[in-house]
């Protein structure tokens, strides 16, 4: 009699499995079926990749309510986790460094039959697990960590040795980089009607404007000049511009190892400017960052801020010329406080 009753339950569960298209209901039924077939909970946990608590919960629901207890729309469905289940979820959230909200939603619905009405409940779980919403940063896998650390120490020592000259204004420290603004950079997020596509007119996404920029380490002002491209000729022109903007000052420039920064033409220009002067009196002294690590230069974050700002007005900018005007306006009328920039790399701990 007991065997017949057991077989009847197994048969009922198998029929439910065969006719239920929802994978969450199938997994619940399959877990309970395996229990009745004599599998250990630990074996079922491994086979179905579910928690021991979920197996117990599903078996109890079936025993109390029958097949209806395994349905997703069953009235016994919970909108909360038990203390034990919550601890299981928090432990599970420690298994990866990066998460999508949908993964957590699926986990709770699939294994615990829990679906929260408010997203806030999911965010609270992330918070309890020490997981927060944050911006990713680009990391070049070719970057040499030791070289970056060594360059940072070199820059720290150099700035410390020049501190009196920097603070007195005789030596101007500038961090240089180039930015390529594309018309396609305009597309971004806006609030709009859910059932309507928001179209931003962009005739040619590849329309481009190159900017040379140098942020002043002391006052946070950025010296901006537009060019048709990044090359040796324009680099020399920009260096002349910086000299004109810094009368009676020596320049200490930090930049990356772009080919046109290292070209023979640019090196020849620097030789002419500094000709006959000892190193401590050079008009322009250039220091390169470690290779393959643009994050060393805080100006990268300034470019990002400017592009993010113009995207806020993506539906209101009718042409590429307007986009350039907005971008330049933001750069020229914003003072960038190094304390508010996302500082990392060579300058993360060097402050006056």
C-alpha atoms as a PDB file:
ATOM      1  CA  UNK A   1       0.000   0.000   0.000  1.00  0.00           C
ATOM      2  CA  UNK A   2       2.820   2.358   0.936  1.00  0.00           C
ATOM      3  CA  UNK A   3       4.677   1.549  -2.293  1.00  0.00           C
ATOM      4  CA  UNK A   4       1.507   2.090  -4.328  1.00  0.00           C
ATOM      5  CA  UNK A   5       0.908   5.461  -2.674  1.00  0.00           C
ATOM      6  CA  UNK A   6       4.528   6.433  -3.252  1.00  0.00           C
ATOM      7  CA  UNK A   7       4.374   5.394  -6.894  1.00  0.00           C
ATOM      8  CA  UNK A   8       1.170   7.358  -7.310  1.00  0.00           C
ATOM      9  CA  UNK A   9       2.870  10.499  -6.033  1.00  0.00           C
ATOM     10  CA  UNK A  10       5.859   9.937  -8.287  1.00  0.00           C
ATOM     11  CA  UNK A  11       3.527   9.391 -11.239  1.00  0.00           C
ATOM     12  CA  UNK A  12       1.570  12.543 -10.409  1.00  0.00           C
ATOM     13  CA  UNK A  13       4.755  14.558 -10.176  1.00  0.00           C
ATOM     14  CA  UNK A  14       6.044  13.137 -13.462  1.00  0.00           C
ATOM     15  CA  UNK A  15       2.806  14.015 -15.239  1.00  0.00           C
ATOM     16  CA  UNK A  16       3.041  17.553 -13.862  1.00  0.00           C
ATOM     17  CA  UNK A  17       6.635  17.776 -15.114  1.00  0.00           C
ATOM     18  CA  UNK A  18       5.648  16.570 -18.573  1.00  0.00           C
ATOM     19  CA  UNK A  19       2.913  19.177 -18.982  1.00  0.00           C
ATOM     20  CA  UNK A  20       4.375  22.249 -17.306  1.00  0.00           C
ATOM     21  CA  UNK A  21       6.302  24.615 -19.637  1.00  0.00           C
ATOM     22  CA  UNK A  22       7.653  26.796 -16.831  1.00  0.00           C
ATOM     23  CA  UNK A  23      11.156  25.623 -15.874  1.00  0.00           C
ATOM     24  CA  UNK A  24      10.782  26.913 -12.308  1.00  0.00           C
ATOM     25  CA  UNK A  25       7.769  24.696 -11.663  1.00  0.00           C
ATOM     26  CA  UNK A  26       9.493  21.754 -13.358  1.00  0.00           C
ATOM     27  CA  UNK A  27      12.552  22.072 -11.145  1.00  0.00           C
ATOM     28  CA  UNK A  28      10.439  22.168  -8.002  1.00  0.00           C
ATOM     29  CA  UNK A  29       8.473  19.096  -9.033  1.00  0.00           C
ATOM     30  CA  UNK A  30      11.614  17.261 -10.094  1.00  0.00           C
ATOM     31  CA  UNK A  31      13.270  17.953  -6.743  1.00  0.00           C
ATOM     32  CA  UNK A  32      10.285  16.550  -4.858  1.00  0.00           C
ATOM     33  CA  UNK A  33      10.106  13.534  -7.197  1.00  0.00           C
ATOM     34  CA  UNK A  34      13.760  12.737  -6.533  1.00  0.00           C
ATOM     35  CA  UNK A  35      13.096  12.904  -2.786  1.00  0.00           C
ATOM     36  CA  UNK A  36      10.378  10.250  -3.143  1.00  0.00           C
ATOM     37  CA  UNK A  37      12.685   8.183  -5.317  1.00  0.00           C
ATOM     38  CA  UNK A  38      15.154   7.948  -2.451  1.00  0.00           C
ATOM     39  CA  UNK A  39      17.782  10.481  -3.456  1.00  0.00           C
ATOM     40  CA  UNK A  40      19.589  12.273  -0.648  1.00  0.00           C
ATOM     41  CA  UNK A  41      19.044  16.003  -0.330  1.00  0.00           C
ATOM     42  CA  UNK A  42      22.752  16.634  -0.944  1.00  0.00           C
ATOM     43  CA  UNK A  43      22.552  14.628  -4.186  1.00  0.00           C
ATOM     44  CA  UNK A  44      19.510  16.599  -5.346  1.00  0.00           C
ATOM     45  CA  UNK A  45      21.297  19.830  -4.457  1.00  0.00           C
ATOM     46  CA  UNK A  46      24.161  18.843  -6.747  1.00  0.00           C
ATOM     47  CA  UNK A  47      21.960  17.563  -9.584  1.00  0.00           C
ATOM     48  CA  UNK A  48      19.619  20.572  -9.737  1.00  0.00           C
ATOM     49  CA  UNK A  49      21.895  23.248  -8.293  1.00  0.00           C
ATOM     50  CA  UNK A  50      19.365  24.262  -5.643  1.00  0.00           C
ATOM     51  CA  UNK A  51      19.657  24.884  -1.927  1.00  0.00           C
ATOM     52  CA  UNK A  52      18.759  22.342   0.755  1.00  0.00           C
ATOM     53  CA  UNK A  53      16.250  24.823   2.181  1.00  0.00           C
ATOM     54  CA  UNK A  54      14.455  25.069  -1.161  1.00  0.00           C
ATOM     55  CA  UNK A  55      14.121  21.281  -1.419  1.00  0.00           C
ATOM     56  CA  UNK A  56      12.581  21.109   2.052  1.00  0.00           C
ATOM     57  CA  UNK A  57      10.237  24.027   1.304  1.00  0.00           C
ATOM     58  CA  UNK A  58       9.017  22.470  -1.968  1.00  0.00           C
ATOM     59  CA  UNK A  59       8.473  19.048  -0.398  1.00  0.00           C
ATOM     60  CA  UNK A  60       6.473  20.548   2.471  1.00  0.00           C
ATOM     61  CA  UNK A  61       4.370  22.583   0.006  1.00  0.00           C
ATOM     62  CA  UNK A  62       3.575  19.429  -1.984  1.00  0.00           C
ATOM     63  CA  UNK A  63       2.709  17.419   1.110  1.00  0.00           C
ATOM     64  CA  UNK A  64       0.363  20.137   2.372  1.00  0.00           C
ATOM     65  CA  UNK A  65      -1.233  21.376  -0.847  1.00  0.00           C
ATOM     66  CA  UNK A  66      -0.504  18.660  -3.381  1.00  0.00           C
ATOM     67  CA  UNK A  67       0.426  19.602  -6.951  1.00  0.00           C
ATOM     68  CA  UNK A  68      -1.080  23.080  -6.555  1.00  0.00           C
ATOM     69  CA  UNK A  69       1.594  23.828  -3.932  1.00  0.00           C
ATOM     70  CA  UNK A  70       4.219  23.652  -6.690  1.00  0.00           C
ATOM     71  CA  UNK A  71       2.537  26.159  -8.980  1.00  0.00           C
ATOM     72  CA  UNK A  72       3.940  29.671  -9.148  1.00  0.00           C
ATOM     73  CA  UNK A  73       0.498  31.224  -8.624  1.00  0.00           C
ATOM     74  CA  UNK A  74      -0.178  29.126  -5.537  1.00  0.00           C
ATOM     75  CA  UNK A  75      -1.738  31.257  -2.791  1.00  0.00           C
ATOM     76  CA  UNK A  76       0.785  29.953  -0.314  1.00  0.00           C
ATOM     77  CA  UNK A  77       3.516  31.710  -2.248  1.00  0.00           C
ATOM     78  CA  UNK A  78       5.668  34.001  -0.090  1.00  0.00           C
ATOM     79  CA  UNK A  79       6.763  37.550  -0.697  1.00  0.00           C
ATOM     80  CA  UNK A  80       9.614  37.277   1.767  1.00  0.00           C
ATOM     81  CA  UNK A  81      12.599  35.098   2.637  1.00  0.00           C
ATOM     82  CA  UNK A  82      12.962  33.247   5.888  1.00  0.00           C
ATOM     83  CA  UNK A  83      15.995  34.130   8.000  1.00  0.00           C
ATOM     84  CA  UNK A  84      17.701  30.930   6.867  1.00  0.00           C
ATOM     85  CA  UNK A  85      16.958  31.592   3.201  1.00  0.00           C
ATOM     86  CA  UNK A  86      18.148  35.179   3.487  1.00  0.00           C
ATOM     87  CA  UNK A  87      21.494  33.998   4.850  1.00  0.00           C
ATOM     88  CA  UNK A  88      21.753  31.512   1.977  1.00  0.00           C
ATOM     89  CA  UNK A  89      21.167  34.298  -0.546  1.00  0.00           C
ATOM     90  CA  UNK A  90      23.702  36.609   1.107  1.00  0.00           C
ATOM     91  CA  UNK A  91      26.292  33.819   1.019  1.00  0.00           C
ATOM     92  CA  UNK A  92      25.480  33.182  -2.639  1.00  0.00           C
ATOM     93  CA  UNK A  93      26.026  36.870  -3.428  1.00  0.00           C
ATOM     94  CA  UNK A  94      29.607  36.527  -2.198  1.00  0.00           C
ATOM     95  CA  UNK A  95      30.445  34.040  -4.952  1.00  0.00           C
ATOM     96  CA  UNK A  96      30.897  36.700  -7.691  1.00  0.00           C
ATOM     97  CA  UNK A  97      32.269  40.228  -7.943  1.00  0.00           C
ATOM     98  CA  UNK A  98      29.787  41.513 -10.550  1.00  0.00           C
ATOM     99  CA  UNK A  99      26.001  41.010 -10.562  1.00  0.00           C
ATOM    100  CA  UNK A 100      22.961  41.894 -12.624  1.00  0.00           C
ATOM    101  CA  UNK A 101      19.675  42.581 -10.834  1.00  0.00           C
ATOM    102  CA  UNK A 102      17.967  39.966 -12.993  1.00  0.00           C
ATOM    103  CA  UNK A 103      20.233  37.254 -11.602  1.00  0.00           C
ATOM    104  CA  UNK A 104      19.032  37.967  -8.076  1.00  0.00           C
ATOM    105  CA  UNK A 105      15.385  38.198  -9.173  1.00  0.00           C
ATOM    106  CA  UNK A 106      15.670  34.846 -10.952  1.00  0.00           C
ATOM    107  CA  UNK A 107      17.394  33.218  -7.982  1.00  0.00           C
ATOM    108  CA  UNK A 108      14.655  34.215  -5.553  1.00  0.00           C
ATOM    109  CA  UNK A 109      11.793  33.333  -7.892  1.00  0.00           C
ATOM    110  CA  UNK A 110      13.313  30.056  -9.081  1.00  0.00           C
ATOM    111  CA  UNK A 111      14.580  28.624  -5.810  1.00  0.00           C
ATOM    112  CA  UNK A 112      12.460  30.293  -3.144  1.00  0.00           C
ATOM    113  CA  UNK A 113       9.282  31.176  -5.028  1.00  0.00           C
ATOM    114  CA  UNK A 114       9.696  34.746  -3.821  1.00  0.00           C
ATOM    115  CA  UNK A 115       9.040  37.781  -6.007  1.00  0.00           C
ATOM    116  CA  UNK A 116       9.203  41.204  -4.399  1.00  0.00           C
ATOM    117  CA  UNK A 117       6.788  43.917  -5.478  1.00  0.00           C
ATOM    118  CA  UNK A 118       9.404  46.624  -4.983  1.00  0.00           C
ATOM    119  CA  UNK A 119      12.911  46.709  -6.449  1.00  0.00           C
ATOM    120  CA  UNK A 120      13.980  48.260  -3.162  1.00  0.00           C
ATOM    121  CA  UNK A 121      13.826  44.810  -1.518  1.00  0.00           C
ATOM    122  CA  UNK A 122      16.373  43.454  -3.992  1.00  0.00           C
ATOM    123  CA  UNK A 123      18.585  46.496  -3.511  1.00  0.00           C
ATOM    124  CA  UNK A 124      18.477  45.933   0.244  1.00  0.00           C
ATOM    125  CA  UNK A 125      19.800  42.405  -0.266  1.00  0.00           C
ATOM    126  CA  UNK A 126      22.647  43.726  -2.399  1.00  0.00           C
ATOM    127  CA  UNK A 127      23.408  46.309   0.290  1.00  0.00           C
ATOM    128  CA  UNK A 128      23.392  43.684   3.041  1.00  0.00           C
ATOM    129  CA  UNK A 129      25.861  41.632   0.993  1.00  0.00           C
ATOM    130  CA  UNK A 130      28.194  44.623   0.604  1.00  0.00           C
ATOM    131  CA  UNK A 131      27.346  45.107  -3.078  1.00  0.00           C
ATOM    132  CA  UNK A 132      26.731  48.612  -4.444  1.00  0.00           C
ATOM    133  CA  UNK A 133      25.974  50.244  -7.796  1.00  0.00           C
ATOM    134  CA  UNK A 134      29.213  51.615  -9.219  1.00  0.00           C
ATOM    135  CA  UNK A 135      30.834  52.743 -12.405  1.00  0.00           C
ATOM    136  CA  UNK A 136      33.250  50.376 -14.080  1.00  0.00           C
ATOM    137  CA  UNK A 137      36.707  51.535 -15.049  1.00  0.00           C
ATOM    138  CA  UNK A 138      38.616  50.472 -18.120  1.00  0.00           C
ATOM    139  CA  UNK A 139      41.653  48.297 -17.479  1.00  0.00           C
ATOM    140  CA  UNK A 140      44.123  47.478 -20.209  1.00  0.00           C
ATOM    141  CA  UNK A 141      45.276  43.872 -19.656  1.00  0.00           C
ATOM    142  CA  UNK A 142      48.655  44.853 -21.108  1.00  0.00           C
ATOM    143  CA  UNK A 143      49.271  47.318 -18.284  1.00  0.00           C
ATOM    144  CA  UNK A 144      52.261  46.443 -16.111  1.00  0.00           C
ATOM    145  CA  UNK A 145      51.153  46.919 -12.507  1.00  0.00           C
ATOM    146  CA  UNK A 146      54.720  47.155 -11.253  1.00  0.00           C
ATOM    147  CA  UNK A 147      55.584  49.737 -13.917  1.00  0.00           C
ATOM    148  CA  UNK A 148      52.520  51.795 -12.978  1.00  0.00           C
ATOM    149  CA  UNK A 149      53.421  51.675  -9.279  1.00  0.00           C
ATOM    150  CA  UNK A 150      57.024  52.593 -10.084  1.00  0.00           C
ATOM    151  CA  UNK A 151      55.936  55.530 -12.240  1.00  0.00           C
ATOM    152  CA  UNK A 152      53.682  56.760  -9.458  1.00  0.00           C
ATOM    153  CA  UNK A 153      56.585  56.828  -7.015  1.00  0.00           C
ATOM    154  CA  UNK A 154      58.727  58.624  -9.585  1.00  0.00           C
ATOM    155  CA  UNK A 155      56.061  61.307 -10.081  1.00  0.00           C
ATOM    156  CA  UNK A 156      55.554  61.685  -6.329  1.00  0.00           C
ATOM    157  CA  UNK A 157      59.276  62.238  -5.814  1.00  0.00           C
ATOM    158  CA  UNK A 158      59.501  64.669  -8.714  1.00  0.00           C
ATOM    159  CA  UNK A 159      56.582  66.799  -7.509  1.00  0.00           C
ATOM    160  CA  UNK A 160      57.858  66.753  -3.937  1.00  0.00           C
ATOM    161  CA  UNK A 161      61.265  67.988  -5.097  1.00  0.00           C
ATOM    162  CA  UNK A 162      59.604  70.815  -7.092  1.00  0.00           C
ATOM    163  CA  UNK A 163      57.071  71.783  -4.455  1.00  0.00           C
ATOM    164  CA  UNK A 164      58.482  75.227  -3.674  1.00  0.00           C
ATOM    165  CA  UNK A 165      58.708  76.162  -7.373  1.00  0.00           C
ATOM    166  CA  UNK A 166      55.154  74.904  -8.018  1.00  0.00           C
ATOM    167  CA  UNK A 167      53.611  76.757  -5.095  1.00  0.00           C
ATOM    168  CA  UNK A 168      55.441  79.981  -5.968  1.00  0.00           C
ATOM    169  CA  UNK A 169      54.139  79.838  -9.542  1.00  0.00           C
ATOM    170  CA  UNK A 170      57.542  79.588 -11.215  1.00  0.00           C
ATOM    171  CA  UNK A 171      56.785  76.033 -12.370  1.00  0.00           C
ATOM    172  CA  UNK A 172      53.412  75.143 -13.869  1.00  0.00           C
ATOM    173  CA  UNK A 173      52.325  71.503 -13.775  1.00  0.00           C
ATOM    174  CA  UNK A 174      49.972  70.456 -16.578  1.00  0.00           C
ATOM    175  CA  UNK A 175      48.417  67.073 -17.313  1.00  0.00           C
ATOM    176  CA  UNK A 176      47.879  66.677 -21.056  1.00  0.00           C
ATOM    177  CA  UNK A 177      45.641  64.399 -23.111  1.00  0.00           C
ATOM    178  CA  UNK A 178      43.677  64.366 -26.361  1.00  0.00           C
ATOM    179  CA  UNK A 179      39.941  63.740 -26.664  1.00  0.00           C
ATOM    180  CA  UNK A 180      38.128  62.692 -29.830  1.00  0.00           C
ATOM    181  CA  UNK A 181      34.496  63.824 -29.729  1.00  0.00           C
ATOM    182  CA  UNK A 182      32.199  61.931 -32.115  1.00  0.00           C
ATOM    183  CA  UNK A 183      28.678  62.903 -33.074  1.00  0.00           C
ATOM    184  CA  UNK A 184      27.716  59.379 -32.038  1.00  0.00           C
ATOM    185  CA  UNK A 185      28.798  60.261 -28.482  1.00  0.00           C
ATOM    186  CA  UNK A 186      25.582  62.278 -28.214  1.00  0.00           C
ATOM    187  CA  UNK A 187      23.246  59.289 -27.838  1.00  0.00           C
ATOM    188  CA  UNK A 188      22.287  58.702 -24.225  1.00  0.00           C
ATOM    189  CA  UNK A 189      19.382  58.161 -21.844  1.00  0.00           C
ATOM    190  CA  UNK A 190      16.357  60.462 -21.452  1.00  0.00           C
ATOM    191  CA  UNK A 191      12.927  60.161 -19.855  1.00  0.00           C
ATOM    192  CA  UNK A 192      10.289  59.407 -22.482  1.00  0.00           C
ATOM    193  CA  UNK A 193       7.061  57.511 -23.085  1.00  0.00           C
ATOM    194  CA  UNK A 194       7.523  53.797 -22.588  1.00  0.00           C
ATOM    195  CA  UNK A 195       5.848  52.800 -25.845  1.00  0.00           C
ATOM    196  CA  UNK A 196       7.718  55.299 -28.025  1.00  0.00           C
ATOM    197  CA  UNK A 197      11.255  55.222 -29.371  1.00  0.00           C
ATOM    198  CA  UNK A 198      13.285  58.357 -28.692  1.00  0.00           C
ATOM    199  CA  UNK A 199      15.219  59.207 -31.842  1.00  0.00           C
ATOM    200  CA  UNK A 200      18.156  61.630 -31.855  1.00  0.00           C
ATOM    201  CA  UNK A 201      19.098  62.933 -35.290  1.00  0.00           C
ATOM    202  CA  UNK A 202      22.709  62.004 -36.037  1.00  0.00           C
ATOM    203  CA  UNK A 203      23.583  62.328 -39.714  1.00  0.00           C
ATOM    204  CA  UNK A 204      27.073  60.852 -39.440  1.00  0.00           C
ATOM    205  CA  UNK A 205      28.155  59.153 -36.219  1.00  0.00           C
ATOM    206  CA  UNK A 206      31.795  59.365 -37.349  1.00  0.00           C
ATOM    207  CA  UNK A 207      31.902  63.176 -37.517  1.00  0.00           C
ATOM    208  CA  UNK A 208      34.815  63.924 -35.222  1.00  0.00           C
ATOM    209  CA  UNK A 209      36.490  66.814 -33.435  1.00  0.00           C
ATOM    210  CA  UNK A 210      39.852  66.338 -31.745  1.00  0.00           C
ATOM    211  CA  UNK A 211      40.700  68.390 -28.670  1.00  0.00           C
ATOM    212  CA  UNK A 212      44.012  68.872 -26.939  1.00  0.00           C
ATOM    213  CA  UNK A 213      43.571  69.616 -23.253  1.00  0.00           C
ATOM    214  CA  UNK A 214      45.857  70.342 -20.299  1.00  0.00           C
ATOM    215  CA  UNK A 215      44.511  70.584 -16.781  1.00  0.00           C
ATOM    216  CA  UNK A 216      46.415  72.841 -14.376  1.00  0.00           C
ATOM    217  CA  UNK A 217      47.379  70.837 -11.325  1.00  0.00           C
ATOM    218  CA  UNK A 218      47.053  73.775  -8.935  1.00  0.00           C
ATOM    219  CA  UNK A 219      43.850  75.519 -10.014  1.00  0.00           C
ATOM    220  CA  UNK A 220      41.974  72.778 -11.909  1.00  0.00           C
ATOM    221  CA  UNK A 221      41.461  74.901 -15.029  1.00  0.00           C
ATOM    222  CA  UNK A 222      41.663  73.109 -18.352  1.00  0.00           C
ATOM    223  CA  UNK A 223      43.325  74.730 -21.367  1.00  0.00           C
ATOM    224  CA  UNK A 224      41.416  73.523 -24.419  1.00  0.00           C
ATOM    225  CA  UNK A 225      42.194  73.862 -28.119  1.00  0.00           C
ATOM    226  CA  UNK A 226      40.497  72.192 -31.086  1.00  0.00           C
ATOM    227  CA  UNK A 227      42.355  70.473 -33.915  1.00  0.00           C
ATOM    228  CA  UNK A 228      41.536  68.328 -36.920  1.00  0.00           C
ATOM    229  CA  UNK A 229      43.517  65.350 -35.569  1.00  0.00           C
ATOM    230  CA  UNK A 230      46.144  64.250 -33.107  1.00  0.00           C
ATOM    231  CA  UNK A 231      49.563  64.401 -34.779  1.00  0.00           C
ATOM    232  CA  UNK A 232      53.059  65.829 -34.402  1.00  0.00           C
ATOM    233  CA  UNK A 233      52.273  69.133 -36.109  1.00  0.00           C
ATOM    234  CA  UNK A 234      49.258  69.819 -33.895  1.00  0.00           C
ATOM    235  CA  UNK A 235      51.143  68.666 -30.810  1.00  0.00           C
ATOM    236  CA  UNK A 236      53.852  71.258 -31.451  1.00  0.00           C
ATOM    237  CA  UNK A 237      51.240  73.944 -32.053  1.00  0.00           C
ATOM    238  CA  UNK A 238      49.553  73.068 -28.756  1.00  0.00           C
ATOM    239  CA  UNK A 239      52.870  73.190 -26.882  1.00  0.00           C
ATOM    240  CA  UNK A 240      53.449  76.670 -28.304  1.00  0.00           C
ATOM    241  CA  UNK A 241      49.972  77.604 -27.094  1.00  0.00           C
ATOM    242  CA  UNK A 242      50.797  76.377 -23.579  1.00  0.00           C
ATOM    243  CA  UNK A 243      53.986  78.453 -23.566  1.00  0.00           C
ATOM    244  CA  UNK A 244      51.968  81.526 -24.590  1.00  0.00           C
ATOM    245  CA  UNK A 245      49.477  80.824 -21.797  1.00  0.00           C
ATOM    246  CA  UNK A 246      52.279  80.489 -19.222  1.00  0.00           C
ATOM    247  CA  UNK A 247      54.507  83.597 -19.478  1.00  0.00           C
ATOM    248  CA  UNK A 248      57.542  83.624 -17.182  1.00  0.00           C
ATOM    249  CA  UNK A 249      56.826  80.018 -16.123  1.00  0.00           C
ATOM    250  CA  UNK A 250      58.554  76.736 -16.748  1.00  0.00           C
ATOM    251  CA  UNK A 251      56.277  73.882 -17.756  1.00  0.00           C
ATOM    252  CA  UNK A 252      56.268  70.379 -16.263  1.00  0.00           C
ATOM    253  CA  UNK A 253      54.057  68.289 -18.532  1.00  0.00           C
ATOM    254  CA  UNK A 254      52.673  64.812 -17.883  1.00  0.00           C
ATOM    255  CA  UNK A 255      51.249  62.877 -20.839  1.00  0.00           C
ATOM    256  CA  UNK A 256      50.963  59.392 -22.324  1.00  0.00           C
ATOM    257  CA  UNK A 257      53.242  57.702 -24.825  1.00  0.00           C
ATOM    258  CA  UNK A 258      51.232  58.473 -27.979  1.00  0.00           C
ATOM    259  CA  UNK A 259      53.395  58.095 -31.083  1.00  0.00           C
ATOM    260  CA  UNK A 260      53.121  61.785 -31.947  1.00  0.00           C
ATOM    261  CA  UNK A 261      54.276  62.710 -28.418  1.00  0.00           C
ATOM    262  CA  UNK A 262      57.435  60.693 -29.028  1.00  0.00           C
ATOM    263  CA  UNK A 263      58.036  61.611 -32.658  1.00  0.00           C
ATOM    264  CA  UNK A 264      61.383  62.991 -33.858  1.00  0.00           C
ATOM    265  CA  UNK A 265      59.622  66.185 -34.934  1.00  0.00           C
ATOM    266  CA  UNK A 266      58.246  66.840 -31.438  1.00  0.00           C
ATOM    267  CA  UNK A 267      61.525  65.869 -29.792  1.00  0.00           C
ATOM    268  CA  UNK A 268      63.304  68.256 -32.129  1.00  0.00           C
ATOM    269  CA  UNK A 269      60.973  71.075 -31.131  1.00  0.00           C
ATOM    270  CA  UNK A 270      61.582  70.403 -27.434  1.00  0.00           C
ATOM    271  CA  UNK A 271      65.323  70.427 -28.112  1.00  0.00           C
ATOM    272  CA  UNK A 272      65.045  73.846 -29.741  1.00  0.00           C
ATOM    273  CA  UNK A 273      62.960  75.280 -26.892  1.00  0.00           C
ATOM    274  CA  UNK A 274      65.370  74.021 -24.235  1.00  0.00           C
ATOM    275  CA  UNK A 275      68.573  74.540 -26.224  1.00  0.00           C
ATOM    276  CA  UNK A 276      71.496  75.748 -24.164  1.00  0.00           C
ATOM    277  CA  UNK A 277      69.653  75.436 -20.842  1.00  0.00           C
ATOM    278  CA  UNK A 278      70.534  73.036 -18.006  1.00  0.00           C
ATOM    279  CA  UNK A 279      67.721  70.514 -17.195  1.00  0.00           C
ATOM    280  CA  UNK A 280      66.622  72.431 -14.097  1.00  0.00           C
ATOM    281  CA  UNK A 281      65.961  75.493 -16.294  1.00  0.00           C
ATOM    282  CA  UNK A 282      64.216  73.807 -19.231  1.00  0.00           C
ATOM    283  CA  UNK A 283      61.185  75.723 -20.455  1.00  0.00           C
ATOM    284  CA  UNK A 284      59.355  72.455 -21.058  1.00  0.00           C
ATOM    285  CA  UNK A 285      60.052  69.224 -19.217  1.00  0.00           C
ATOM    286  CA  UNK A 286      57.926  66.221 -20.317  1.00  0.00           C
ATOM    287  CA  UNK A 287      57.256  63.095 -18.267  1.00  0.00           C
ATOM    288  CA  UNK A 288      55.445  60.084 -19.713  1.00  0.00           C
ATOM    289  CA  UNK A 289      53.022  57.955 -17.752  1.00  0.00           C
ATOM    290  CA  UNK A 290      53.509  54.195 -17.618  1.00  0.00           C
ATOM    291  CA  UNK A 291      52.315  52.531 -20.853  1.00  0.00           C
ATOM    292  CA  UNK A 292      48.840  51.019 -21.359  1.00  0.00           C
ATOM    293  CA  UNK A 293      47.307  52.703 -18.317  1.00  0.00           C
ATOM    294  CA  UNK A 294      45.349  55.871 -19.231  1.00  0.00           C
ATOM    295  CA  UNK A 295      43.680  55.891 -15.805  1.00  0.00           C
ATOM    296  CA  UNK A 296      46.853  57.441 -14.359  1.00  0.00           C
ATOM    297  CA  UNK A 297      45.802  60.779 -15.833  1.00  0.00           C
ATOM    298  CA  UNK A 298      42.851  62.517 -14.071  1.00  0.00           C
ATOM    299  CA  UNK A 299      42.017  64.416 -17.253  1.00  0.00           C
ATOM    300  CA  UNK A 300      40.438  61.190 -18.526  1.00  0.00           C
ATOM    301  CA  UNK A 301      37.678  61.720 -15.978  1.00  0.00           C
ATOM    302  CA  UNK A 302      37.210  65.308 -17.149  1.00  0.00           C
ATOM    303  CA  UNK A 303      36.558  64.127 -20.714  1.00  0.00           C
ATOM    304  CA  UNK A 304      34.040  61.648 -19.319  1.00  0.00           C
ATOM    305  CA  UNK A 305      32.280  64.348 -17.284  1.00  0.00           C
ATOM    306  CA  UNK A 306      31.987  66.573 -20.343  1.00  0.00           C
ATOM    307  CA  UNK A 307      30.580  63.803 -22.556  1.00  0.00           C
ATOM    308  CA  UNK A 308      28.158  62.757 -19.827  1.00  0.00           C
ATOM    309  CA  UNK A 309      26.968  66.344 -19.464  1.00  0.00           C
ATOM    310  CA  UNK A 310      26.208  66.878 -23.177  1.00  0.00           C
ATOM    311  CA  UNK A 311      24.323  63.568 -23.310  1.00  0.00           C
ATOM    312  CA  UNK A 312      21.783  65.054 -20.913  1.00  0.00           C
ATOM    313  CA  UNK A 313      20.705  67.343 -23.755  1.00  0.00           C
ATOM    314  CA  UNK A 314      20.834  64.735 -26.505  1.00  0.00           C
ATOM    315  CA  UNK A 315      17.252  65.431 -27.634  1.00  0.00           C
ATOM    316  CA  UNK A 316      17.903  69.186 -27.859  1.00  0.00           C
ATOM    317  CA  UNK A 317      21.150  69.325 -29.875  1.00  0.00           C
ATOM    318  CA  UNK A 318      20.333  69.634 -33.601  1.00  0.00           C
ATOM    319  CA  UNK A 319      23.795  69.409 -35.169  1.00  0.00           C
ATOM    320  CA  UNK A 320      27.391  68.383 -34.598  1.00  0.00           C
ATOM    321  CA  UNK A 321      28.452  72.032 -34.428  1.00  0.00           C
ATOM    322  CA  UNK A 322      26.019  72.533 -31.520  1.00  0.00           C
ATOM    323  CA  UNK A 323      27.423  69.435 -29.822  1.00  0.00           C
ATOM    324  CA  UNK A 324      30.954  70.840 -30.080  1.00  0.00           C
ATOM    325  CA  UNK A 325      29.802  74.194 -28.677  1.00  0.00           C
ATOM    326  CA  UNK A 326      28.161  72.507 -25.679  1.00  0.00           C
ATOM    327  CA  UNK A 327      31.214  70.335 -25.035  1.00  0.00           C
ATOM    328  CA  UNK A 328      33.594  73.304 -25.204  1.00  0.00           C
ATOM    329  CA  UNK A 329      31.339  75.461 -23.026  1.00  0.00           C
ATOM    330  CA  UNK A 330      31.363  72.837 -20.276  1.00  0.00           C
ATOM    331  CA  UNK A 331      35.148  72.463 -20.394  1.00  0.00           C
ATOM    332  CA  UNK A 332      35.901  76.192 -20.444  1.00  0.00           C
ATOM    333  CA  UNK A 333      33.527  77.238 -17.670  1.00  0.00           C
ATOM    334  CA  UNK A 334      34.056  74.391 -15.230  1.00  0.00           C
ATOM    335  CA  UNK A 335      36.787  74.326 -12.608  1.00  0.00           C
ATOM    336  CA  UNK A 336      37.768  70.757 -11.863  1.00  0.00           C
ATOM    337  CA  UNK A 337      38.639  70.051  -8.258  1.00  0.00           C
ATOM    338  CA  UNK A 338      41.096  67.177  -8.065  1.00  0.00           C
ATOM    339  CA  UNK A 339      39.461  66.151  -4.814  1.00  0.00           C
ATOM    340  CA  UNK A 340      36.163  65.474  -6.605  1.00  0.00           C
ATOM    341  CA  UNK A 341      37.652  63.691  -9.596  1.00  0.00           C
ATOM    342  CA  UNK A 342      37.828  59.916  -9.434  1.00  0.00           C
ATOM    343  CA  UNK A 343      41.485  59.939  -8.606  1.00  0.00           C
ATOM    344  CA  UNK A 344      43.594  56.878  -9.031  1.00  0.00           C
ATOM    345  CA  UNK A 345      46.906  56.004 -10.568  1.00  0.00           C
ATOM    346  CA  UNK A 346      49.875  58.332 -10.420  1.00  0.00           C
ATOM    347  CA  UNK A 347      48.142  61.320  -8.793  1.00  0.00           C
ATOM    348  CA  UNK A 348      45.811  59.580  -6.323  1.00  0.00           C
ATOM    349  CA  UNK A 349      47.707  60.652  -3.210  1.00  0.00           C
ATOM    350  CA  UNK A 350      49.600  63.717  -4.451  1.00  0.00           C
ATOM    351  CA  UNK A 351      47.797  66.842  -3.298  1.00  0.00           C
ATOM    352  CA  UNK A 352      48.862  70.347  -2.376  1.00  0.00           C
END
